[in-house]
Amino acid sequence: MSRPPKDEWTRDTQGLISTSVAPERALLAHLTIDHPSNRHTAHALESAASQPEPIDHEEEKASLDELAGLAEAAGAEVVGTITQKRPKAEPATLFGKGKVEEIGQMCEEHKVDVLIVDSELSPAQGKNLEKQLKVRVIDRTELILDIFARRAQTAQAKLQVELAQLRYQLPRLKRMWTHLERTGGGIGTRGPGETQLETDRSMARDRVTLLERQLDQLRRQKQVEASMRYEFELGALLGYTNVGKSALLNRLSNPTGKKVYEADQLFATLGASTRKVELGTGRSILLSDTVGFVRRLPHFLVESFHSTLAEVANADFLLLVVDAADPELEDKMRSVLKVMGELEVLEKPRILVLNQCDRLDAATRESMQRTHPDAVLTSALTGEGLEQLKERIKEVLAAQDEEFDIVLDARAAHTGRLLSDITRHGKVLHQEWRQPNDSDGATLLCARVRLSPRWREQLSLDDLVLEATSHHVASQ
């Protein structure tokens, strides 16, 4: 290991020299767009199209608090915050001239290493701010990408992070070589900057294509693995980051499942982890944990993590997990629902899970139950509500069941196994024996069963179903 610079040496609690590098000192900056009263005019709407999205004071505070959590997750030490309210963003630096000078003074005063802006910066804005402030400048998206890069452990997660980084950087390559460009585009005007720019773009696009191909191969491999687990219904946990999804999965799959990583930090989970959960009465499901969401999660990031989020698309039902004690519960739930819309899974059966209910007082708990009467209150810490959640999962799965009559050859070797499979994944409601009319005929077993369409197909029961007897349970 190379020795750090002398000014980065620190002395540990025992007085010994430590080679650990001190965390970067970060200043957070936020711009609130306060459109004038004529903001509904065509001109105002056109000029606002490229501006940061307007938010109120409460949202501003919540967004800054979340940004501070993201910075700490990336290993930074937040030394201060600064905000500005303007009718529109400054094209060159996002913030106004006076505010940029104020930011510069705070950077000097607090010995800031990096300025983190709670908006997406254009390449020019980032470059201009760094030039004036003499510190590194990153935006919210770059910060999230940095955390993802730190958290990525599996080959799939690393490929997805690299793909997201390239998709973010590709449109920003256009300003990296402007100091070498010439004006014009005719013969004899092609400068070295344009040549370098085209080379960089070509290399980046080639790498994106390669990563997409590798991720597609991993996706097909996952599909093969999923087909081998087809005997179980599949559920997916999804929700905001750091709401206890991994802890809930560990508690539900205990004691048979291997524990997944859980920590009180943002984006502790990037890959999908699947565990078997026993629902009781011999019925089991597979439940997958997925990457958490945050406010204003970039669309290209959702696209890059499509392989991991495929567990959501393939699920038979969804568990939407929220932190019951979070005062921003409703706002964060809307953010998750927005991403669910992008994934086109809003129509899937889902159960709202109010996790960490052990942190609620009696009054808040009662209010929460009135606001969300169909939700299940759970605590991965105490185990409260887990059995109720399992019962709700069984109800959701049962709602998809159909009732139909089947006729089996009582003497066939596979009949007993088939009835056992039906009982494991559904229910045998009634059965009776029918003797043949002649001595050479086979004894028949007629049974009315309740089963989901996927298990009816998986067990190849269509040829055994009596005509005009199949109907959906809900129609009764």
Protein backbone atom coordinates (compact mmCIF):
# COMPACT_ATOMS: atom_id res chain seq x y z
CA MET A 1 0.00 0.00 0.00
CA SER A 2 1.41 3.39 -0.96
CA ARG A 3 1.98 5.87 1.83
CA PRO A 4 -0.51 8.74 1.94
CA PRO A 5 0.74 12.33 1.81
CA LYS A 6 2.00 13.58 5.14
CA ASP A 7 -0.85 16.07 5.52
CA GLU A 8 -3.32 13.15 5.34
CA TRP A 9 -1.79 11.28 8.28
CA THR A 10 -4.00 11.16 11.36
CA ARG A 11 -3.32 10.00 14.88
CA ASP A 12 -5.60 7.31 16.25
CA THR A 13 -7.02 7.13 19.79
CA GLN A 14 -3.95 5.26 21.08
CA GLY A 15 -1.56 7.94 19.83
CA LEU A 16 -0.26 5.84 16.92
CA ILE A 17 0.11 7.11 13.39
CA SER A 18 -2.78 5.92 11.22
CA THR A 19 -2.63 5.80 7.42
CA SER A 20 -6.42 6.09 7.03
CA VAL A 21 -7.35 9.01 4.79
CA ALA A 22 -9.68 11.57 6.37
CA PRO A 23 -13.13 11.82 4.74
CA GLU A 24 -13.65 14.53 2.14
CA ARG A 25 -15.22 17.70 3.48
CA ALA A 26 -18.40 18.41 1.51
CA LEU A 27 -20.52 21.53 1.14
CA LEU A 28 -24.10 20.99 -0.06
CA ALA A 29 -25.76 23.53 -2.36
CA HIS A 30 -29.40 23.71 -3.40
CA LEU A 31 -31.21 25.98 -5.87
CA THR A 32 -34.95 26.56 -5.52
CA ILE A 33 -36.71 27.85 -8.61
CA ASP A 34 -39.34 30.44 -7.68
CA HIS A 35 -41.20 31.13 -10.91
CA PRO A 36 -42.92 34.54 -11.16
CA SER A 37 -46.69 34.91 -11.23
CA ASN A 38 -46.73 34.79 -15.03
CA ARG A 39 -45.20 31.32 -15.02
CA HIS A 40 -48.23 29.92 -16.85
CA THR A 41 -47.53 31.96 -19.99
CA ALA A 42 -46.06 30.25 -23.02
CA HIS A 43 -42.77 32.15 -22.68
CA ALA A 44 -42.44 31.28 -19.01
CA LEU A 45 -43.20 27.62 -19.61
CA GLU A 46 -40.64 27.48 -22.42
CA SER A 47 -37.90 29.08 -20.30
CA ALA A 48 -38.74 26.83 -17.33
CA ALA A 49 -38.39 23.65 -19.36
CA SER A 50 -34.62 23.49 -18.78
CA GLN A 51 -34.76 24.64 -15.16
CA PRO A 52 -34.61 22.52 -12.00
CA GLU A 53 -38.07 21.38 -10.90
CA PRO A 54 -39.74 23.87 -8.51
CA ILE A 55 -40.18 22.56 -4.95
CA ASP A 56 -41.56 24.09 -1.75
CA HIS A 57 -39.68 24.78 1.48
CA GLU A 58 -40.53 21.43 3.08
CA GLU A 59 -39.45 19.53 -0.02
CA GLU A 60 -36.26 21.61 -0.14
CA LYS A 61 -35.38 20.62 3.42
CA ALA A 62 -36.23 16.98 2.78
CA SER A 63 -34.18 16.96 -0.42
CA LEU A 64 -31.17 18.50 1.37
CA ASP A 65 -31.48 16.04 4.26
CA GLU A 66 -31.49 13.18 1.79
CA LEU A 67 -28.51 14.68 -0.07
CA ALA A 68 -26.62 14.83 3.24
CA GLY A 69 -27.41 11.14 3.80
CA LEU A 70 -26.17 10.32 0.30
CA ALA A 71 -22.95 12.29 0.90
CA GLU A 72 -22.32 10.45 4.17
CA ALA A 73 -23.01 7.14 2.41
CA ALA A 74 -20.28 8.10 -0.08
CA GLY A 75 -17.84 8.65 2.79
CA ALA A 76 -17.96 12.46 2.92
CA GLU A 77 -18.23 14.71 5.95
CA VAL A 78 -20.90 17.38 5.44
CA VAL A 79 -19.59 20.69 6.81
CA GLY A 80 -22.40 22.99 5.72
CA THR A 81 -25.29 23.74 3.38
CA ILE A 82 -26.18 26.76 1.30
CA THR A 83 -29.36 27.54 -0.65
CA GLN A 84 -30.59 30.14 -3.10
CA LYS A 85 -34.02 31.02 -4.46
CA ARG A 86 -34.13 32.46 -7.99
CA PRO A 87 -36.78 32.86 -10.71
CA LYS A 88 -34.55 30.81 -13.00
CA ALA A 89 -31.14 29.12 -13.01
CA GLU A 90 -28.05 30.99 -14.20
CA PRO A 91 -27.06 29.25 -17.48
CA ALA A 92 -23.30 29.53 -16.82
CA THR A 93 -23.08 28.57 -13.14
CA LEU A 94 -26.63 27.57 -12.02
CA PHE A 95 -26.34 29.98 -9.07
CA GLY A 96 -26.16 33.76 -9.31
CA LYS A 97 -22.83 35.60 -9.31
CA GLY A 98 -23.16 36.79 -5.71
CA LYS A 99 -24.15 33.37 -4.45
CA VAL A 100 -21.18 31.76 -6.23
CA GLU A 101 -18.89 34.21 -4.41
CA GLU A 102 -20.60 33.31 -1.12
CA ILE A 103 -20.10 29.61 -1.86
CA GLY A 104 -16.43 30.32 -2.55
CA GLN A 105 -16.05 32.04 0.82
CA MET A 106 -17.68 29.07 2.59
CA CYS A 107 -15.37 26.68 0.74
CA GLU A 108 -12.32 28.58 1.99
CA GLU A 109 -13.69 28.97 5.52
CA HIS A 110 -14.57 25.27 5.93
CA LYS A 111 -11.66 23.92 3.83
CA VAL A 112 -14.12 22.19 1.50
CA ASP A 113 -12.88 19.42 -0.80
CA VAL A 114 -16.04 18.94 -2.86
CA LEU A 115 -19.19 20.93 -3.59
CA ILE A 116 -22.27 18.73 -4.05
CA VAL A 117 -25.12 20.38 -5.94
CA ASP A 118 -28.66 19.07 -5.40
CA SER A 119 -29.52 19.39 -9.11
CA GLU A 120 -28.23 17.99 -12.36
CA LEU A 121 -25.45 20.21 -13.68
CA SER A 122 -24.66 20.71 -17.32
CA PRO A 123 -21.01 20.05 -18.27
CA ALA A 124 -20.46 23.80 -18.73
CA GLN A 125 -21.94 24.67 -15.33
CA GLY A 126 -19.77 22.11 -13.57
CA LYS A 127 -16.64 23.30 -15.38
CA ASN A 128 -17.37 26.99 -14.66
CA LEU A 129 -18.07 26.36 -10.97
CA GLU A 130 -14.85 24.38 -10.53
CA LYS A 131 -12.88 27.12 -12.29
CA GLN A 132 -14.26 29.82 -9.98
CA LEU A 133 -14.37 27.86 -6.71
CA LYS A 134 -11.12 25.89 -7.10
CA VAL A 135 -12.79 22.78 -5.62
CA ARG A 136 -14.24 19.67 -7.18
CA VAL A 137 -17.93 20.00 -8.10
CA ILE A 138 -20.36 17.12 -8.57
CA ASP A 139 -24.14 16.92 -8.85
CA ARG A 140 -26.74 14.65 -7.26
CA THR A 141 -26.60 12.08 -10.07
CA GLU A 142 -22.80 11.78 -9.90
CA LEU A 143 -23.06 11.28 -6.13
CA ILE A 144 -25.58 8.45 -6.54
CA LEU A 145 -23.37 6.83 -9.18
CA ASP A 146 -20.38 7.06 -6.82
CA ILE A 147 -22.34 5.28 -4.07
CA PHE A 148 -23.47 2.61 -6.50
CA ALA A 149 -19.86 2.07 -7.58
CA ARG A 150 -18.81 1.67 -3.92
CA ARG A 151 -21.66 -0.75 -3.11
CA ALA A 152 -21.44 -2.94 -6.23
CA GLN A 153 -20.24 -6.42 -5.24
CA THR A 154 -21.56 -8.86 -7.83
CA ALA A 155 -20.45 -9.00 -11.46
CA GLN A 156 -23.94 -7.99 -12.55
CA ALA A 157 -24.05 -4.96 -10.25
CA LYS A 158 -20.61 -3.79 -11.41
CA LEU A 159 -21.63 -4.06 -15.07
CA GLN A 160 -24.85 -2.15 -14.37
CA VAL A 161 -23.00 0.64 -12.55
CA GLU A 162 -20.47 1.01 -15.37
CA LEU A 163 -23.30 1.13 -17.91
CA ALA A 164 -25.09 3.84 -15.89
CA GLN A 165 -21.88 5.87 -15.61
CA LEU A 166 -21.27 5.70 -19.37
CA ARG A 167 -24.85 6.66 -20.15
CA TYR A 168 -24.43 9.66 -17.87
CA GLN A 169 -21.06 10.69 -19.29
CA LEU A 170 -21.73 10.11 -23.00
CA PRO A 171 -23.77 13.30 -23.66
CA ARG A 172 -21.23 15.26 -21.58
CA LEU A 173 -18.30 14.39 -23.85
CA LYS A 174 -19.29 17.16 -26.25
CA ARG A 175 -17.67 19.88 -24.12
CA MET A 176 -14.46 18.11 -23.12
CA TRP A 177 -12.53 19.00 -26.30
CA THR A 178 -13.96 22.40 -27.27
CA HIS A 179 -10.58 24.06 -26.69
CA LEU A 180 -9.27 22.14 -29.74
CA GLU A 181 -12.24 22.63 -32.08
CA ARG A 182 -12.33 24.88 -35.15
CA THR A 183 -15.35 26.71 -36.45
CA GLY A 184 -17.13 25.49 -39.53
CA GLY A 185 -17.74 22.03 -40.84
CA GLY A 186 -16.51 22.02 -44.43
CA ILE A 187 -13.44 20.50 -46.05
CA GLY A 188 -10.26 21.57 -44.30
CA THR A 189 -12.07 22.70 -41.14
CA ARG A 190 -12.04 19.41 -39.24
CA GLY A 191 -9.87 20.08 -36.19
CA PRO A 192 -8.08 17.63 -33.86
CA GLY A 193 -10.65 18.32 -31.15
CA GLU A 194 -13.48 17.07 -33.31
CA THR A 195 -11.47 13.98 -34.20
CA GLN A 196 -10.76 13.25 -30.53
CA LEU A 197 -14.41 13.86 -29.65
CA GLU A 198 -15.58 11.39 -32.28
CA THR A 199 -13.03 8.84 -31.05
CA ASP A 200 -14.19 9.21 -27.45
CA ARG A 201 -17.85 8.94 -28.43
CA SER A 202 -17.17 5.88 -30.56
CA MET A 203 -15.25 4.14 -27.74
CA ALA A 204 -17.96 4.98 -25.21
CA ARG A 205 -20.76 3.71 -27.49
CA ASP A 206 -18.82 0.52 -28.21
CA ARG A 207 -18.38 -0.06 -24.49
CA VAL A 208 -22.09 0.60 -23.86
CA THR A 209 -22.99 -1.95 -26.55
CA LEU A 210 -20.63 -4.52 -25.01
CA LEU A 211 -22.03 -3.96 -21.51
CA GLU A 212 -25.61 -4.24 -22.76
CA ARG A 213 -24.69 -7.52 -24.48
CA GLN A 214 -23.05 -8.90 -21.33
CA LEU A 215 -26.02 -7.87 -19.19
CA ASP A 216 -28.39 -9.46 -21.70
CA GLN A 217 -26.44 -12.72 -21.35
CA LEU A 218 -26.71 -12.46 -17.56
CA ARG A 219 -30.43 -11.76 -17.90
CA ARG A 220 -30.93 -14.90 -19.99
CA GLN A 221 -28.93 -16.88 -17.44
CA LYS A 222 -31.16 -15.52 -14.68
CA GLN A 223 -34.22 -16.52 -16.68
CA VAL A 224 -32.91 -20.09 -16.89
CA GLU A 225 -32.33 -20.09 -13.13
CA ALA A 226 -35.81 -18.65 -12.60
CA SER A 227 -37.39 -21.38 -14.75
CA MET A 228 -35.76 -23.98 -12.50
CA ARG A 229 -37.50 -22.35 -9.53
CA TYR A 230 -40.87 -22.24 -11.29
CA GLU A 231 -42.50 -24.49 -8.73
CA PHE A 232 -42.75 -21.48 -6.39
CA GLU A 233 -44.72 -18.25 -6.72
CA LEU A 234 -42.43 -15.25 -6.78
CA GLY A 235 -42.82 -12.05 -4.77
CA ALA A 236 -40.64 -8.93 -4.83
CA LEU A 237 -39.85 -6.41 -2.10
CA LEU A 238 -39.52 -2.88 -3.37
CA GLY A 239 -39.51 0.54 -1.81
CA TYR A 240 -37.40 3.51 -0.84
CA THR A 241 -33.80 2.89 0.12
CA ASN A 242 -33.08 2.12 3.77
CA VAL A 243 -36.60 1.18 4.87
CA GLY A 244 -35.65 -2.30 6.13
CA LYS A 245 -36.42 -4.47 3.08
CA SER A 246 -33.36 -6.69 3.58
CA ALA A 247 -34.04 -7.04 7.32
CA LEU A 248 -37.65 -7.98 6.55
CA LEU A 249 -36.52 -10.61 4.04
CA ASN A 250 -34.11 -12.08 6.60
CA ARG A 251 -36.83 -12.29 9.23
CA LEU A 252 -39.39 -13.84 6.85
CA SER A 253 -36.96 -16.44 5.49
CA ASN A 254 -35.56 -17.37 8.92
CA PRO A 255 -34.49 -20.03 9.84
CA THR A 256 -34.08 -21.76 6.46
CA GLY A 257 -32.69 -18.95 4.32
CA LYS A 258 -29.14 -17.63 4.25
CA LYS A 259 -29.07 -14.05 5.57
CA VAL A 260 -28.75 -11.25 3.03
CA TYR A 261 -26.64 -8.19 3.81
CA GLU A 262 -28.46 -5.54 5.81
CA ALA A 263 -27.19 -2.21 7.12
CA ASP A 264 -28.55 1.16 8.22
CA GLN A 265 -27.25 2.92 5.11
CA LEU A 266 -28.52 4.10 1.74
CA PHE A 267 -28.26 1.62 -1.14
CA ALA A 268 -26.92 -1.22 1.02
CA THR A 269 -28.44 -3.60 -1.56
CA LEU A 270 -27.77 -3.25 -5.30
CA GLY A 271 -28.28 -6.80 -6.56
CA ALA A 272 -31.38 -8.93 -6.24
CA SER A 273 -31.32 -11.53 -3.46
CA THR A 274 -33.95 -14.29 -3.46
CA ARG A 275 -34.91 -16.45 -0.48
CA LYS A 276 -37.51 -19.13 0.21
CA VAL A 277 -40.30 -18.14 2.62
CA GLU A 278 -42.59 -20.69 4.30
CA LEU A 279 -46.18 -19.40 4.43
CA GLY A 280 -47.52 -22.32 6.46
CA THR A 281 -49.88 -25.19 5.55
CA GLY A 282 -47.10 -26.54 3.31
CA ARG A 283 -47.10 -23.55 0.96
CA SER A 284 -43.84 -21.78 0.11
CA ILE A 285 -42.89 -18.82 -2.06
CA LEU A 286 -39.70 -17.15 -3.25
CA LEU A 287 -39.21 -13.54 -2.19
CA SER A 288 -36.66 -11.20 -3.81
CA ASP A 289 -35.07 -8.07 -2.38
CA THR A 290 -34.28 -5.34 -4.94
CA VAL A 291 -32.35 -2.08 -5.18
CA GLY A 292 -33.97 0.80 -3.26
CA PHE A 293 -35.16 4.06 -4.78
CA VAL A 294 -34.60 7.74 -3.98
CA ARG A 295 -36.13 11.03 -5.07
CA ARG A 296 -35.48 12.05 -8.66
CA LEU A 297 -33.84 8.73 -9.53
CA PRO A 298 -32.48 9.28 -13.05
CA HIS A 299 -34.35 7.37 -15.73
CA PHE A 300 -31.13 6.07 -17.30
CA LEU A 301 -30.21 4.57 -13.92
CA VAL A 302 -33.50 2.66 -13.84
CA GLU A 303 -32.76 1.45 -17.38
CA SER A 304 -29.22 0.38 -16.44
CA PHE A 305 -30.52 -1.66 -13.50
CA HIS A 306 -33.23 -3.29 -15.59
CA SER A 307 -31.61 -6.72 -15.11
CA THR A 308 -31.87 -6.45 -11.31
CA LEU A 309 -35.34 -4.92 -11.46
CA ALA A 310 -36.49 -7.76 -13.73
CA GLU A 311 -37.31 -9.60 -10.49
CA VAL A 312 -40.08 -7.01 -10.03
CA ALA A 313 -41.43 -7.51 -13.56
CA ASN A 314 -41.46 -11.31 -13.16
CA ALA A 315 -43.08 -11.30 -9.73
CA ASP A 316 -46.58 -12.66 -9.09
CA PHE A 317 -47.09 -10.02 -6.40
CA LEU A 318 -45.24 -7.06 -4.88
CA LEU A 319 -44.59 -5.98 -1.29
CA LEU A 320 -44.33 -2.19 -1.23
CA VAL A 321 -42.29 -1.53 1.92
CA VAL A 322 -42.21 1.87 3.62
CA ASP A 323 -40.81 3.15 6.91
CA ALA A 324 -43.92 3.62 9.06
CA ALA A 325 -42.12 6.12 11.32
CA ASP A 326 -40.86 8.32 8.47
CA PRO A 327 -42.63 11.73 8.41
CA GLU A 328 -42.01 11.82 4.63
CA LEU A 329 -43.70 8.46 4.09
CA GLU A 330 -46.28 9.73 1.58
CA ASP A 331 -43.75 11.66 -0.55
CA LYS A 332 -41.35 8.73 -0.68
CA MET A 333 -44.16 6.34 -1.53
CA ARG A 334 -45.09 8.57 -4.49
CA SER A 335 -41.46 8.44 -5.66
CA VAL A 336 -41.56 4.63 -5.57
CA LEU A 337 -44.89 4.51 -7.40
CA LYS A 338 -43.42 6.75 -10.10
CA VAL A 339 -40.58 4.27 -10.69
CA MET A 340 -43.11 1.41 -10.64
CA GLY A 341 -44.92 3.22 -13.43
CA GLU A 342 -41.68 3.34 -15.44
CA LEU A 343 -41.30 -0.41 -14.88
CA GLU A 344 -44.95 -0.93 -15.92
CA VAL A 345 -45.80 -2.98 -12.82
CA LEU A 346 -48.51 -0.81 -11.26
CA GLU A 347 -51.18 -3.34 -12.25
CA LYS A 348 -49.54 -6.21 -10.35
CA PRO A 349 -51.16 -7.31 -7.05
CA ARG A 350 -49.38 -5.55 -4.19
CA ILE A 351 -49.48 -5.27 -0.43
CA LEU A 352 -48.47 -2.10 1.40
CA VAL A 353 -46.12 -3.01 4.27
CA LEU A 354 -45.64 -0.39 7.00
CA ASN A 355 -42.33 -1.61 8.39
CA GLN A 356 -40.55 -0.52 11.57
CA CYS A 357 -43.90 -0.11 13.34
CA ASP A 358 -42.13 -0.71 16.67
CA ARG A 359 -41.06 2.96 16.46
CA LEU A 360 -44.68 4.21 16.43
CA ASP A 361 -46.54 5.48 19.47
CA ALA A 362 -50.15 4.42 20.00
CA ALA A 363 -51.69 7.57 18.50
CA THR A 364 -49.55 7.47 15.36
CA ARG A 365 -50.21 3.75 14.91
CA GLU A 366 -53.98 4.33 15.10
CA SER A 367 -53.75 7.20 12.62
CA MET A 368 -51.65 5.11 10.26
CA GLN A 369 -54.18 2.29 10.32
CA ARG A 370 -56.99 4.73 9.49
CA THR A 371 -55.03 6.26 6.60
CA HIS A 372 -53.94 2.89 5.18
CA PRO A 373 -56.58 0.35 6.28
CA ASP A 374 -55.35 -2.34 3.85
CA ALA A 375 -51.71 -2.09 4.92
CA VAL A 376 -49.89 -4.58 7.15
CA LEU A 377 -47.86 -3.19 10.06
CA THR A 378 -44.61 -5.11 10.57
CA SER A 379 -41.38 -4.96 12.50
CA ALA A 380 -38.35 -6.87 11.34
CA LEU A 381 -36.84 -6.14 14.76
CA THR A 382 -39.59 -7.60 16.97
CA GLY A 383 -41.31 -9.91 14.48
CA GLU A 384 -44.65 -8.12 14.88
CA GLY A 385 -47.03 -8.54 11.96
CA LEU A 386 -45.01 -11.17 10.08
CA GLU A 387 -47.63 -13.91 10.43
CA GLN A 388 -50.34 -11.46 9.38
CA LEU A 389 -48.23 -10.55 6.34
CA LYS A 390 -47.91 -14.22 5.39
CA GLU A 391 -51.68 -14.61 5.63
CA ARG A 392 -52.18 -11.57 3.38
CA ILE A 393 -49.75 -13.04 0.84
CA LYS A 394 -51.77 -16.26 0.81
CA GLU A 395 -54.96 -14.22 0.29
CA VAL A 396 -53.43 -12.35 -2.64
CA LEU A 397 -52.31 -15.60 -4.25
CA ALA A 398 -55.68 -17.24 -3.57
CA ALA A 399 -57.48 -14.35 -5.29
CA GLN A 400 -55.84 -15.41 -8.55
CA ASP A 401 -57.08 -19.03 -8.17
CA GLU A 402 -59.68 -20.78 -10.28
CA GLU A 403 -61.99 -23.66 -9.37
CA PHE A 404 -62.40 -26.54 -11.83
CA ASP A 405 -63.14 -30.26 -11.97
CA ILE A 406 -60.62 -32.84 -13.09
CA VAL A 407 -60.89 -36.56 -13.81
CA LEU A 408 -57.97 -38.88 -13.01
CA ASP A 409 -57.24 -42.53 -13.56
CA ALA A 410 -57.19 -43.89 -10.00
CA ARG A 411 -54.84 -46.71 -10.97
CA ALA A 412 -52.20 -44.46 -12.62
CA ALA A 413 -48.88 -44.24 -10.78
CA HIS A 414 -48.71 -40.45 -11.09
CA THR A 415 -52.19 -39.74 -9.66
CA GLY A 416 -51.06 -39.65 -6.03
CA ARG A 417 -48.14 -37.35 -6.85
CA LEU A 418 -50.41 -35.06 -8.87
CA LEU A 419 -52.91 -34.71 -6.03
CA SER A 420 -50.02 -33.98 -3.65
CA ASP A 421 -48.77 -31.20 -5.96
CA ILE A 422 -52.27 -29.73 -6.23
CA THR A 423 -52.59 -29.75 -2.44
CA ARG A 424 -49.18 -28.08 -2.07
CA HIS A 425 -49.95 -25.23 -4.46
CA GLY A 426 -53.72 -25.02 -4.11
CA LYS A 427 -56.55 -26.99 -2.56
CA VAL A 428 -58.60 -30.11 -3.27
CA LEU A 429 -62.17 -29.06 -2.38
CA HIS A 430 -63.95 -32.35 -3.06
CA GLN A 431 -63.21 -35.76 -4.48
CA GLU A 432 -65.21 -38.91 -5.25
CA TRP A 433 -64.59 -42.32 -6.81
CA ARG A 434 -66.53 -43.51 -9.83
CA GLN A 435 -66.64 -47.16 -10.75
CA PRO A 436 -66.55 -48.09 -14.44
CA ASN A 437 -69.65 -49.48 -16.15
CA ASP A 438 -67.74 -52.54 -17.30
CA SER A 439 -65.22 -54.73 -15.53
CA ASP A 440 -62.39 -53.74 -17.85
CA GLY A 441 -62.78 -50.00 -17.29
CA ALA A 442 -60.53 -47.95 -15.02
CA THR A 443 -61.72 -46.58 -11.71
CA LEU A 444 -61.95 -42.78 -11.98
CA LEU A 445 -61.18 -40.14 -9.36
CA CYS A 446 -63.21 -36.97 -9.88
CA ALA A 447 -62.01 -33.96 -7.93
CA ARG A 448 -62.90 -30.27 -7.67
CA VAL A 449 -59.74 -28.26 -7.10
CA ARG A 450 -58.78 -24.63 -6.55
CA LEU A 451 -55.53 -23.62 -8.26
CA SER A 452 -53.87 -20.63 -9.90
CA PRO A 453 -53.69 -20.52 -13.73
CA ARG A 454 -49.88 -20.78 -13.66
CA TRP A 455 -50.04 -24.03 -11.67
CA ARG A 456 -52.80 -25.38 -13.85
CA GLU A 457 -50.45 -24.90 -16.78
CA GLN A 458 -47.33 -26.10 -14.91
CA LEU A 459 -49.02 -29.36 -13.83
CA SER A 460 -50.48 -29.90 -17.34
CA LEU A 461 -54.06 -30.21 -16.07
CA ASP A 462 -55.87 -28.79 -19.12
CA ASP A 463 -56.40 -32.24 -20.67
CA LEU A 464 -57.90 -33.49 -17.41
CA VAL A 465 -60.41 -30.67 -16.92
CA LEU A 466 -64.10 -31.39 -17.44
CA GLU A 467 -65.65 -28.94 -19.90
CA ALA A 468 -67.71 -25.99 -18.65
CA THR A 469 -66.54 -26.41 -15.03
CA SER A 470 -63.67 -23.93 -14.85
CA HIS A 471 -64.43 -20.54 -13.35
CA HIS A 472 -62.64 -17.88 -11.37
CA VAL A 473 -63.06 -17.90 -7.61
CA ALA A 474 -63.89 -14.19 -7.56
CA SER A 475 -66.94 -14.82 -9.77
CA GLN A 476 -68.68 -16.93 -7.16
